[in-house]
Amino acid sequence: VQLVESGGGLAQPGGSLRLSCAASGFSFSDYAMTWARQAPGKGLEWVAQMLPSGTTYYPDSVKGRFTISRDNANNKIFLQMNSLQPEDTAVYYCNVDADWGLGTQVTVSS
C-alpha cells in the first residue's frame, strides 16, 4: 500500500486549500478512505471519511467547511478545505485501514 498526499501549503484565515492523496497497492474502490490531521503538540484527529458507498462523515470541528471526495477511476481522494482557520494548522494524513501516508503540511496564518 502506498499513499501520497499533496496540496498542502500556506493559506490565510478564511482561505481554501485542496489536498489530494494518490493511492496504490490495494483495491481502492472497496475501501473506506480517511483524512486525519495532527496539530503541533496534539494528538491525531480524524477530519473526514468516505465509505465505498459514498457516505461521508465529518466531526463537528470541520463540518460545513471540509469536503471529502474520491475518484475511483484514478485511485485518488481529495479534501477541499474552505474557511480555513489558524486552528486548522496541522500535518494532514491520508489513511486506509492501518496504512498512512507521510502527510502534507497545512499552515493557516496571516
PDB file of N, CA and C in Angstrom:
ATOM      1  N   VAL A   1       0.848  -1.192   0.000  1.00  0.00           N
ATOM      2  CA  VAL A   1       0.000   0.000   0.000  1.00  0.00           C
ATOM      3  C   VAL A   1       0.887   1.247   0.000  1.00  0.00           C
ATOM      4  N   GLN A   2       0.528   2.189  -0.859  1.00  0.00           N
ATOM      5  CA  GLN A   2       1.228   3.469  -0.876  1.00  0.00           C
ATOM      6  C   GLN A   2       0.203   4.588  -0.936  1.00  0.00           C
ATOM      7  N   LEU A   3       0.386   5.573  -0.072  1.00  0.00           N
ATOM      8  CA  LEU A   3      -0.483   6.738  -0.017  1.00  0.00           C
ATOM      9  C   LEU A   3       0.400   7.975  -0.059  1.00  0.00           C
ATOM     10  N   VAL A   4       0.159   8.853  -1.014  1.00  0.00           N
ATOM     11  CA  VAL A   4       0.993  10.040  -1.189  1.00  0.00           C
ATOM     12  C   VAL A   4       0.105  11.277  -1.200  1.00  0.00           C
ATOM     13  N   GLU A   5       0.259  12.092  -0.162  1.00  0.00           N
ATOM     14  CA  GLU A   5      -0.522  13.316  -0.049  1.00  0.00           C
ATOM     15  C   GLU A   5       0.179  14.469  -0.746  1.00  0.00           C
ATOM     16  N   SER A   6      -0.606  15.415  -1.206  1.00  0.00           N
ATOM     17  CA  SER A   6      -0.072  16.639  -1.802  1.00  0.00           C
ATOM     18  C   SER A   6      -1.102  17.751  -1.663  1.00  0.00           C
ATOM     19  N   GLY A   7      -0.654  18.976  -1.928  1.00  0.00           N
ATOM     20  CA  GLY A   7      -1.579  20.092  -1.935  1.00  0.00           C
ATOM     21  C   GLY A   7      -1.534  20.996  -0.721  1.00  0.00           C
ATOM     22  N   GLY A   8      -0.743  20.624   0.263  1.00  0.00           N
ATOM     23  CA  GLY A   8      -0.624  21.469   1.436  1.00  0.00           C
ATOM     24  C   GLY A   8       0.121  22.758   1.125  1.00  0.00           C
ATOM     25  N   GLY A   9       0.144  23.641   2.108  1.00  0.00           N
ATOM     26  CA  GLY A   9       0.832  24.911   1.933  1.00  0.00           C
ATOM     27  C   GLY A   9       0.339  25.931   2.934  1.00  0.00           C
ATOM     28  N   LEU A  10       0.574  27.182   2.585  1.00  0.00           N
ATOM     29  CA  LEU A  10       0.188  28.295   3.450  1.00  0.00           C
ATOM     30  C   LEU A  10      -1.097  28.921   2.929  1.00  0.00           C
ATOM     31  N   ALA A  11      -2.036  29.124   3.810  1.00  0.00           N
ATOM     32  CA  ALA A  11      -3.291  29.782   3.464  1.00  0.00           C
ATOM     33  C   ALA A  11      -3.583  30.854   4.501  1.00  0.00           C
ATOM     34  N   GLN A  12      -4.275  31.880   4.075  1.00  0.00           N
ATOM     35  CA  GLN A  12      -4.709  32.915   5.004  1.00  0.00           C
ATOM     36  C   GLN A  12      -6.000  32.492   5.679  1.00  0.00           C
ATOM     37  N   PRO A  13      -6.262  32.995   6.874  1.00  0.00           N
ATOM     38  CA  PRO A  13      -7.560  32.717   7.500  1.00  0.00           C
ATOM     39  C   PRO A  13      -8.697  33.087   6.556  1.00  0.00           C
ATOM     40  N   GLY A  14      -9.660  32.185   6.458  1.00  0.00           N
ATOM     41  CA  GLY A  14     -10.758  32.365   5.528  1.00  0.00           C
ATOM     42  C   GLY A  14     -10.494  31.815   4.145  1.00  0.00           C
ATOM     43  N   GLY A  15      -9.276  31.387   3.908  1.00  0.00           N
ATOM     44  CA  GLY A  15      -8.902  30.871   2.600  1.00  0.00           C
ATOM     45  C   GLY A  15      -9.230  29.403   2.416  1.00  0.00           C
ATOM     46  N   SER A  16      -8.784  28.867   1.294  1.00  0.00           N
ATOM     47  CA  SER A  16      -9.075  27.491   0.931  1.00  0.00           C
ATOM     48  C   SER A  16      -7.826  26.778   0.440  1.00  0.00           C
ATOM     49  N   LEU A  17      -7.832  25.483   0.627  1.00  0.00           N
ATOM     50  CA  LEU A  17      -6.828  24.594   0.059  1.00  0.00           C
ATOM     51  C   LEU A  17      -7.514  23.302  -0.338  1.00  0.00           C
ATOM     52  N   ARG A  18      -6.938  22.620  -1.320  1.00  0.00           N
ATOM     53  CA  ARG A  18      -7.435  21.314  -1.728  1.00  0.00           C
ATOM     54  C   ARG A  18      -6.293  20.318  -1.652  1.00  0.00           C
ATOM     55  N   LEU A  19      -6.473  19.319  -0.809  1.00  0.00           N
ATOM     56  CA  LEU A  19      -5.480  18.269  -0.655  1.00  0.00           C
ATOM     57  C   LEU A  19      -5.844  17.082  -1.538  1.00  0.00           C
ATOM     58  N   SER A  20      -4.823  16.386  -1.987  1.00  0.00           N
ATOM     59  CA  SER A  20      -5.005  15.174  -2.779  1.00  0.00           C
ATOM     60  C   SER A  20      -4.219  14.041  -2.148  1.00  0.00           C
ATOM     61  N   CYS A  21      -4.696  12.834  -2.366  1.00  0.00           N
ATOM     62  CA  CYS A  21      -3.985  11.641  -1.918  1.00  0.00           C
ATOM     63  C   CYS A  21      -4.060  10.617  -3.041  1.00  0.00           C
ATOM     64  N   ALA A  22      -2.898  10.239  -3.549  1.00  0.00           N
ATOM     65  CA  ALA A  22      -2.818   9.208  -4.579  1.00  0.00           C
ATOM     66  C   ALA A  22      -2.558   7.873  -3.894  1.00  0.00           C
ATOM     67  N   ALA A  23      -3.409   6.903  -4.173  1.00  0.00           N
ATOM     68  CA  ALA A  23      -3.336   5.605  -3.514  1.00  0.00           C
ATOM     69  C   ALA A  23      -2.968   4.516  -4.509  1.00  0.00           C
ATOM     70  N   SER A  24      -2.257   3.510  -4.021  1.00  0.00           N
ATOM     71  CA  SER A  24      -1.919   2.366  -4.857  1.00  0.00           C
ATOM     72  C   SER A  24      -1.659   1.148  -3.980  1.00  0.00           C
ATOM     73  N   GLY A  25      -1.721  -0.031  -4.599  1.00  0.00           N
ATOM     74  CA  GLY A  25      -1.389  -1.249  -3.888  1.00  0.00           C
ATOM     75  C   GLY A  25      -2.550  -1.974  -3.246  1.00  0.00           C
ATOM     76  N   PHE A  26      -3.766  -1.512  -3.483  1.00  0.00           N
ATOM     77  CA  PHE A  26      -4.948  -2.179  -2.951  1.00  0.00           C
ATOM     78  C   PHE A  26      -6.133  -1.831  -3.841  1.00  0.00           C
ATOM     79  N   SER A  27      -7.226  -2.529  -3.620  1.00  0.00           N
ATOM     80  CA  SER A  27      -8.429  -2.317  -4.427  1.00  0.00           C
ATOM     81  C   SER A  27      -9.157  -1.080  -3.912  1.00  0.00           C
ATOM     82  N   PHE A  28      -8.754   0.057  -4.434  1.00  0.00           N
ATOM     83  CA  PHE A  28      -9.138   1.357  -3.880  1.00  0.00           C
ATOM     84  C   PHE A  28     -10.635   1.516  -3.692  1.00  0.00           C
ATOM     85  N   SER A  29     -11.414   1.157  -4.662  1.00  0.00           N
ATOM     86  CA  SER A  29     -12.852   1.424  -4.606  1.00  0.00           C
ATOM     87  C   SER A  29     -13.569   0.600  -3.535  1.00  0.00           C
ATOM     88  N   ASP A  30     -12.904  -0.406  -2.992  1.00  0.00           N
ATOM     89  CA  ASP A  30     -13.520  -1.275  -1.991  1.00  0.00           C
ATOM     90  C   ASP A  30     -13.315  -0.807  -0.560  1.00  0.00           C
ATOM     91  N   TYR A  31     -12.557   0.262  -0.365  1.00  0.00           N
ATOM     92  CA  TYR A  31     -12.150   0.658   0.982  1.00  0.00           C
ATOM     93  C   TYR A  31     -12.644   2.046   1.370  1.00  0.00           C
ATOM     94  N   ALA A  32     -12.954   2.166   2.654  1.00  0.00           N
ATOM     95  CA  ALA A  32     -13.183   3.485   3.221  1.00  0.00           C
ATOM     96  C   ALA A  32     -11.857   4.237   3.286  1.00  0.00           C
ATOM     97  N   MET A  33     -11.916   5.513   2.962  1.00  0.00           N
ATOM     98  CA  MET A  33     -10.721   6.356   2.993  1.00  0.00           C
ATOM     99  C   MET A  33     -10.938   7.493   3.989  1.00  0.00           C
ATOM    100  N   THR A  34      -9.884   7.817   4.696  1.00  0.00           N
ATOM    101  CA  THR A  34      -9.979   8.801   5.777  1.00  0.00           C
ATOM    102  C   THR A  34      -8.879   9.846   5.662  1.00  0.00           C
ATOM    103  N   TRP A  35      -9.230  11.067   6.001  1.00  0.00           N
ATOM    104  CA  TRP A  35      -8.251  12.133   6.221  1.00  0.00           C
ATOM    105  C   TRP A  35      -8.175  12.385   7.727  1.00  0.00           C
ATOM    106  N   ALA A  36      -6.975  12.547   8.224  1.00  0.00           N
ATOM    107  CA  ALA A  36      -6.758  12.877   9.622  1.00  0.00           C
ATOM    108  C   ALA A  36      -5.675  13.945   9.686  1.00  0.00           C
ATOM    109  N   ARG A  37      -5.573  14.577  10.833  1.00  0.00           N
ATOM    110  CA  ARG A  37      -4.555  15.625  10.980  1.00  0.00           C
ATOM    111  C   ARG A  37      -3.946  15.577  12.370  1.00  0.00           C
ATOM    112  N   GLN A  38      -2.749  16.119  12.459  1.00  0.00           N
ATOM    113  CA  GLN A  38      -2.084  16.244  13.751  1.00  0.00           C
ATOM    114  C   GLN A  38      -1.497  17.639  13.862  1.00  0.00           C
ATOM    115  N   ALA A  39      -2.057  18.404  14.783  1.00  0.00           N
ATOM    116  CA  ALA A  39      -1.567  19.747  15.036  1.00  0.00           C
ATOM    117  C   ALA A  39      -0.357  19.683  15.953  1.00  0.00           C
ATOM    118  N   PRO A  40       0.466  20.715  15.937  1.00  0.00           N
ATOM    119  CA  PRO A  40       1.660  20.717  16.803  1.00  0.00           C
ATOM    120  C   PRO A  40       1.298  20.477  18.262  1.00  0.00           C
ATOM    121  N   GLY A  41       1.917  19.505  18.874  1.00  0.00           N
ATOM    122  CA  GLY A  41       1.701  19.227  20.278  1.00  0.00           C
ATOM    123  C   GLY A  41       0.399  18.534  20.616  1.00  0.00           C
ATOM    124  N   LYS A  42      -0.336  18.107  19.597  1.00  0.00           N
ATOM    125  CA  LYS A  42      -1.643  17.475  19.833  1.00  0.00           C
ATOM    126  C   LYS A  42      -1.682  16.080  19.220  1.00  0.00           C
ATOM    127  N   GLY A  43      -2.704  15.350  19.564  1.00  0.00           N
ATOM    128  CA  GLY A  43      -2.885  14.006  19.041  1.00  0.00           C
ATOM    129  C   GLY A  43      -3.504  14.017  17.658  1.00  0.00           C
ATOM    130  N   LEU A  44      -3.638  12.815  17.115  1.00  0.00           N
ATOM    131  CA  LEU A  44      -4.211  12.658  15.786  1.00  0.00           C
ATOM    132  C   LEU A  44      -5.726  12.852  15.853  1.00  0.00           C
ATOM    133  N   GLU A  45      -6.279  13.576  14.901  1.00  0.00           N
ATOM    134  CA  GLU A  45      -7.709  13.854  14.846  1.00  0.00           C
ATOM    135  C   GLU A  45      -8.209  13.524  13.445  1.00  0.00           C
ATOM    136  N   TRP A  46      -9.240  12.678  13.344  1.00  0.00           N
ATOM    137  CA  TRP A  46      -9.787  12.414  12.010  1.00  0.00           C
ATOM    138  C   TRP A  46     -10.658  13.594  11.604  1.00  0.00           C
ATOM    139  N   VAL A  47     -10.638  13.938  10.330  1.00  0.00           N
ATOM    140  CA  VAL A  47     -11.397  15.097   9.865  1.00  0.00           C
ATOM    141  C   VAL A  47     -12.385  14.769   8.753  1.00  0.00           C
ATOM    142  N   ALA A  48     -12.251  13.623   8.116  1.00  0.00           N
ATOM    143  CA  ALA A  48     -13.211  13.275   7.071  1.00  0.00           C
ATOM    144  C   ALA A  48     -13.045  11.810   6.704  1.00  0.00           C
ATOM    145  N   GLN A  49     -14.161  11.172   6.405  1.00  0.00           N
ATOM    146  CA  GLN A  49     -14.125   9.784   5.942  1.00  0.00           C
ATOM    147  C   GLN A  49     -15.167   9.583   4.861  1.00  0.00           C
ATOM    148  N   MET A  50     -14.790   8.813   3.862  1.00  0.00           N
ATOM    149  CA  MET A  50     -15.739   8.441   2.828  1.00  0.00           C
ATOM    150  C   MET A  50     -15.746   6.930   2.669  1.00  0.00           C
ATOM    151  N   LEU A  51     -16.917   6.344   2.767  1.00  0.00           N
ATOM    152  CA  LEU A  51     -17.092   4.905   2.590  1.00  0.00           C
ATOM    153  C   LEU A  51     -17.125   4.562   1.107  1.00  0.00           C
ATOM    154  N   PRO A  52     -16.956   3.287   0.764  1.00  0.00           N
ATOM    155  CA  PRO A  52     -17.074   2.900  -0.644  1.00  0.00           C
ATOM    156  C   PRO A  52     -18.410   3.297  -1.256  1.00  0.00           C
ATOM    157  N   SER A  53     -19.448   3.353  -0.433  1.00  0.00           N
ATOM    158  CA  SER A  53     -20.775   3.723  -0.922  1.00  0.00           C
ATOM    159  C   SER A  53     -20.890   5.193  -1.274  1.00  0.00           C
ATOM    160  N   GLY A  54     -19.934   5.998  -0.795  1.00  0.00           N
ATOM    161  CA  GLY A  54     -20.003   7.444  -0.986  1.00  0.00           C
ATOM    162  C   GLY A  54     -20.479   8.197   0.239  1.00  0.00           C
ATOM    163  N   THR A  55     -20.938   7.457   1.242  1.00  0.00           N
ATOM    164  CA  THR A  55     -21.342   8.087   2.502  1.00  0.00           C
ATOM    165  C   THR A  55     -20.142   8.770   3.141  1.00  0.00           C
ATOM    166  N   THR A  56     -20.367   9.969   3.668  1.00  0.00           N
ATOM    167  CA  THR A  56     -19.281  10.734   4.270  1.00  0.00           C
ATOM    168  C   THR A  56     -19.572  11.045   5.734  1.00  0.00           C
ATOM    169  N   TYR A  57     -18.512  11.217   6.479  1.00  0.00           N
ATOM    170  CA  TYR A  57     -18.598  11.573   7.887  1.00  0.00           C
ATOM    171  C   TYR A  57     -17.589  12.671   8.182  1.00  0.00           C
ATOM    172  N   TYR A  58     -17.991  13.585   9.057  1.00  0.00           N
ATOM    173  CA  TYR A  58     -17.119  14.679   9.475  1.00  0.00           C
ATOM    174  C   TYR A  58     -17.339  14.943  10.967  1.00  0.00           C
ATOM    175  N   PRO A  59     -16.294  15.308  11.676  1.00  0.00           N
ATOM    176  CA  PRO A  59     -16.506  15.782  13.050  1.00  0.00           C
ATOM    177  C   PRO A  59     -17.057  17.211  13.015  1.00  0.00           C
ATOM    178  N   ASP A  60     -17.622  17.620  14.106  1.00  0.00           N
ATOM    179  CA  ASP A  60     -18.223  18.952  14.173  1.00  0.00           C
ATOM    180  C   ASP A  60     -17.209  20.062  13.892  1.00  0.00           C
ATOM    181  N   SER A  61     -15.943  19.801  14.209  1.00  0.00           N
ATOM    182  CA  SER A  61     -14.918  20.843  14.066  1.00  0.00           C
ATOM    183  C   SER A  61     -14.717  21.282  12.616  1.00  0.00           C
ATOM    184  N   VAL A  62     -15.076  20.436  11.653  1.00  0.00           N
ATOM    185  CA  VAL A  62     -14.856  20.783  10.254  1.00  0.00           C
ATOM    186  C   VAL A  62     -16.126  20.700   9.416  1.00  0.00           C
ATOM    187  N   LYS A  63     -17.207  20.218   9.989  1.00  0.00           N
ATOM    188  CA  LYS A  63     -18.441  20.031   9.227  1.00  0.00           C
ATOM    189  C   LYS A  63     -18.892  21.351   8.625  1.00  0.00           C
ATOM    190  N   GLY A  64     -19.223  21.312   7.348  1.00  0.00           N
ATOM    191  CA  GLY A  64     -19.644  22.515   6.652  1.00  0.00           C
ATOM    192  C   GLY A  64     -18.509  23.295   6.034  1.00  0.00           C
ATOM    193  N   ARG A  65     -17.273  22.956   6.404  1.00  0.00           N
ATOM    194  CA  ARG A  65     -16.107  23.645   5.841  1.00  0.00           C
ATOM    195  C   ARG A  65     -15.250  22.721   4.975  1.00  0.00           C
ATOM    196  N   PHE A  66     -15.165  21.454   5.356  1.00  0.00           N
ATOM    197  CA  PHE A  66     -14.338  20.481   4.649  1.00  0.00           C
ATOM    198  C   PHE A  66     -15.239  19.519   3.878  1.00  0.00           C
ATOM    199  N   THR A  67     -14.764  19.115   2.705  1.00  0.00           N
ATOM    200  CA  THR A  67     -15.499  18.151   1.893  1.00  0.00           C
ATOM    201  C   THR A  67     -14.530  17.109   1.352  1.00  0.00           C
ATOM    202  N   ILE A  68     -14.833  15.850   1.628  1.00  0.00           N
ATOM    203  CA  ILE A  68     -14.033  14.757   1.095  1.00  0.00           C
ATOM    204  C   ILE A  68     -14.684  14.240  -0.180  1.00  0.00           C
ATOM    205  N   SER A  69     -13.863  13.863  -1.139  1.00  0.00           N
ATOM    206  CA  SER A  69     -14.379  13.262  -2.360  1.00  0.00           C
ATOM    207  C   SER A  69     -13.364  12.232  -2.853  1.00  0.00           C
ATOM    208  N   ARG A  70     -13.798  11.392  -3.769  1.00  0.00           N
ATOM    209  CA  ARG A  70     -12.898  10.368  -4.274  1.00  0.00           C
ATOM    210  C   ARG A  70     -13.085  10.183  -5.768  1.00  0.00           C
ATOM    211  N   ASP A  71     -12.011   9.784  -6.415  1.00  0.00           N
ATOM    212  CA  ASP A  71     -12.004   9.482  -7.844  1.00  0.00           C
ATOM    213  C   ASP A  71     -11.553   8.038  -7.965  1.00  0.00           C
ATOM    214  N   ASN A  72     -12.510   7.131  -8.039  1.00  0.00           N
ATOM    215  CA  ASN A  72     -12.171   5.705  -8.070  1.00  0.00           C
ATOM    216  C   ASN A  72     -11.456   5.309  -9.361  1.00  0.00           C
ATOM    217  N   ALA A  73     -11.677   6.043 -10.422  1.00  0.00           N
ATOM    218  CA  ALA A  73     -11.018   5.712 -11.690  1.00  0.00           C
ATOM    219  C   ALA A  73      -9.520   5.959 -11.626  1.00  0.00           C
ATOM    220  N   ASN A  74      -9.133   6.941 -10.798  1.00  0.00           N
ATOM    221  CA  ASN A  74      -7.721   7.294 -10.713  1.00  0.00           C
ATOM    222  C   ASN A  74      -7.114   7.044  -9.339  1.00  0.00           C
ATOM    223  N   ASN A  75      -7.869   6.342  -8.474  1.00  0.00           N
ATOM    224  CA  ASN A  75      -7.369   5.966  -7.138  1.00  0.00           C
ATOM    225  C   ASN A  75      -6.885   7.183  -6.353  1.00  0.00           C
ATOM    226  N   LYS A  76      -7.746   8.183  -6.279  1.00  0.00           N
ATOM    227  CA  LYS A  76      -7.388   9.389  -5.533  1.00  0.00           C
ATOM    228  C   LYS A  76      -8.525   9.805  -4.614  1.00  0.00           C
ATOM    229  N   ILE A  77      -8.155  10.391  -3.502  1.00  0.00           N
ATOM    230  CA  ILE A  77      -9.126  11.083  -2.673  1.00  0.00           C
ATOM    231  C   ILE A  77      -8.681  12.528  -2.518  1.00  0.00           C
ATOM    232  N   PHE A  78      -9.657  13.360  -2.186  1.00  0.00           N
ATOM    233  CA  PHE A  78      -9.411  14.783  -2.086  1.00  0.00           C
ATOM    234  C   PHE A  78     -10.030  15.323  -0.799  1.00  0.00           C
ATOM    235  N   LEU A  79      -9.491  16.413  -0.327  1.00  0.00           N
ATOM    236  CA  LEU A  79     -10.085  17.115   0.801  1.00  0.00           C
ATOM    237  C   LEU A  79     -10.115  18.600   0.447  1.00  0.00           C
ATOM    238  N   GLN A  80     -11.309  19.095   0.163  1.00  0.00           N
ATOM    239  CA  GLN A  80     -11.496  20.520  -0.084  1.00  0.00           C
ATOM    240  C   GLN A  80     -11.718  21.202   1.260  1.00  0.00           C
ATOM    241  N   MET A  81     -10.870  22.146   1.583  1.00  0.00           N
ATOM    242  CA  MET A  81     -10.924  22.828   2.864  1.00  0.00           C
ATOM    243  C   MET A  81     -11.205  24.305   2.621  1.00  0.00           C
ATOM    244  N   ASN A  82     -12.344  24.747   3.112  1.00  0.00           N
ATOM    245  CA  ASN A  82     -12.749  26.143   2.961  1.00  0.00           C
ATOM    246  C   ASN A  82     -12.822  26.814   4.333  1.00  0.00           C
ATOM    247  N   SER A  83     -12.880  28.117   4.316  1.00  0.00           N
ATOM    248  CA  SER A  83     -12.994  28.896   5.568  1.00  0.00           C
ATOM    249  C   SER A  83     -11.947  28.454   6.578  1.00  0.00           C
ATOM    250  N   LEU A  84     -10.726  28.314   6.120  1.00  0.00           N
ATOM    251  CA  LEU A  84      -9.656  27.828   6.989  1.00  0.00           C
ATOM    252  C   LEU A  84      -9.381  28.799   8.120  1.00  0.00           C
ATOM    253  N   GLN A  85      -9.043  28.211   9.265  1.00  0.00           N
ATOM    254  CA  GLN A  85      -8.738  28.973  10.460  1.00  0.00           C
ATOM    255  C   GLN A  85      -7.373  28.564  10.990  1.00  0.00           C
ATOM    256  N   PRO A  86      -6.738  29.413  11.787  1.00  0.00           N
ATOM    257  CA  PRO A  86      -5.417  29.041  12.324  1.00  0.00           C
ATOM    258  C   PRO A  86      -5.413  27.695  13.043  1.00  0.00           C
ATOM    259  N   GLU A  87      -6.515  27.329  13.660  1.00  0.00           N
ATOM    260  CA  GLU A  87      -6.572  26.041  14.365  1.00  0.00           C
ATOM    261  C   GLU A  87      -6.616  24.849  13.421  1.00  0.00           C
ATOM    262  N   ASP A  88      -6.731  25.104  12.131  1.00  0.00           N
ATOM    263  CA  ASP A  88      -6.650  24.026  11.143  1.00  0.00           C
ATOM    264  C   ASP A  88      -5.201  23.705  10.768  1.00  0.00           C
ATOM    265  N   THR A  89      -4.270  24.478  11.284  1.00  0.00           N
ATOM    266  CA  THR A  89      -2.856  24.223  11.024  1.00  0.00           C
ATOM    267  C   THR A  89      -2.467  22.854  11.586  1.00  0.00           C
ATOM    268  N   ALA A  90      -1.922  22.021  10.719  1.00  0.00           N
ATOM    269  CA  ALA A  90      -1.591  20.651  11.103  1.00  0.00           C
ATOM    270  C   ALA A  90      -0.922  19.957   9.921  1.00  0.00           C
ATOM    271  N   VAL A  91      -0.383  18.785  10.196  1.00  0.00           N
ATOM    272  CA  VAL A  91       0.002  17.873   9.126  1.00  0.00           C
ATOM    273  C   VAL A  91      -1.214  17.004   8.829  1.00  0.00           C
ATOM    274  N   TYR A  92      -1.582  16.933   7.582  1.00  0.00           N
ATOM    275  CA  TYR A  92      -2.762  16.178   7.158  1.00  0.00           C
ATOM    276  C   TYR A  92      -2.322  14.869   6.510  1.00  0.00           C
ATOM    277  N   TYR A  93      -2.978  13.790   6.958  1.00  0.00           N
ATOM    278  CA  TYR A  93      -2.615  12.449   6.516  1.00  0.00           C
ATOM    279  C   TYR A  93      -3.795  11.761   5.837  1.00  0.00           C
ATOM    280  N   CYS A  94      -3.465  10.947   4.879  1.00  0.00           N
ATOM    281  CA  CYS A  94      -4.409  10.070   4.197  1.00  0.00           C
ATOM    282  C   CYS A  94      -4.282   8.678   4.824  1.00  0.00           C
ATOM    283  N   ASN A  95      -5.413   8.006   5.010  1.00  0.00           N
ATOM    284  CA  ASN A  95      -5.403   6.716   5.717  1.00  0.00           C
ATOM    285  C   ASN A  95      -6.351   5.714   5.079  1.00  0.00           C
ATOM    286  N   VAL A  96      -5.892   4.470   5.015  1.00  0.00           N
ATOM    287  CA  VAL A  96      -6.756   3.346   4.683  1.00  0.00           C
ATOM    288  C   VAL A  96      -6.349   2.196   5.577  1.00  0.00           C
ATOM    289  N   ASP A  97      -7.319   1.653   6.301  1.00  0.00           N
ATOM    290  CA  ASP A  97      -7.040   0.597   7.288  1.00  0.00           C
ATOM    291  C   ASP A  97      -5.886   1.031   8.187  1.00  0.00           C
ATOM    292  N   ALA A  98      -4.801   0.252   8.221  1.00  0.00           N
ATOM    293  CA  ALA A  98      -3.678   0.568   9.111  1.00  0.00           C
ATOM    294  C   ALA A  98      -2.551   1.303   8.403  1.00  0.00           C
ATOM    295  N   ASP A  99      -2.786   1.729   7.178  1.00  0.00           N
ATOM    296  CA  ASP A  99      -1.745   2.377   6.393  1.00  0.00           C
ATOM    297  C   ASP A  99      -1.951   3.887   6.312  1.00  0.00           C
ATOM    298  N   TRP A 100      -0.827   4.585   6.367  1.00  0.00           N
ATOM    299  CA  TRP A 100      -0.834   6.044   6.388  1.00  0.00           C
ATOM    300  C   TRP A 100       0.169   6.583   5.383  1.00  0.00           C
ATOM    301  N   GLY A 101      -0.138   7.749   4.831  1.00  0.00           N
ATOM    302  CA  GLY A 101       0.847   8.458   4.041  1.00  0.00           C
ATOM    303  C   GLY A 101       1.802   9.214   4.947  1.00  0.00           C
ATOM    304  N   LEU A 102       2.716   9.948   4.327  1.00  0.00           N
ATOM    305  CA  LEU A 102       3.697  10.722   5.087  1.00  0.00           C
ATOM    306  C   LEU A 102       3.171  12.079   5.510  1.00  0.00           C
ATOM    307  N   GLY A 103       2.073  12.494   4.925  1.00  0.00           N
ATOM    308  CA  GLY A 103       1.437  13.733   5.334  1.00  0.00           C
ATOM    309  C   GLY A 103       1.838  14.931   4.494  1.00  0.00           C
ATOM    310  N   THR A 104       1.008  15.961   4.578  1.00  0.00           N
ATOM    311  CA  THR A 104       1.288  17.235   3.923  1.00  0.00           C
ATOM    312  C   THR A 104       0.952  18.354   4.902  1.00  0.00           C
ATOM    313  N   GLN A 105       1.835  19.315   5.012  1.00  0.00           N
ATOM    314  CA  GLN A 105       1.689  20.387   5.998  1.00  0.00           C
ATOM    315  C   GLN A 105       0.708  21.439   5.501  1.00  0.00           C
ATOM    316  N   VAL A 106      -0.214  21.799   6.358  1.00  0.00           N
ATOM    317  CA  VAL A 106      -1.132  22.915   6.106  1.00  0.00           C
ATOM    318  C   VAL A 106      -0.916  23.945   7.198  1.00  0.00           C
ATOM    319  N   THR A 107      -0.620  25.161   6.809  1.00  0.00           N
ATOM    320  CA  THR A 107      -0.423  26.257   7.750  1.00  0.00           C
ATOM    321  C   THR A 107      -1.390  27.373   7.404  1.00  0.00           C
ATOM    322  N   VAL A 108      -2.158  27.786   8.397  1.00  0.00           N
ATOM    323  CA  VAL A 108      -3.119  28.869   8.204  1.00  0.00           C
ATOM    324  C   VAL A 108      -2.672  30.040   9.062  1.00  0.00           C
ATOM    325  N   SER A 109      -2.272  31.093   8.393  1.00  0.00           N
ATOM    326  CA  SER A 109      -1.717  32.238   9.098  1.00  0.00           C
ATOM    327  C   SER A 109      -1.799  33.468   8.223  1.00  0.00           C
ATOM    328  N   SER A 110      -1.971  34.611   8.873  1.00  0.00           N
ATOM    329  CA  SER A 110      -1.962  35.870   8.128  1.00  0.00           C
ATOM    330  C   SER A 110      -0.554  36.451   8.103  1.00  0.00           C
TER     331      SER A 110
END
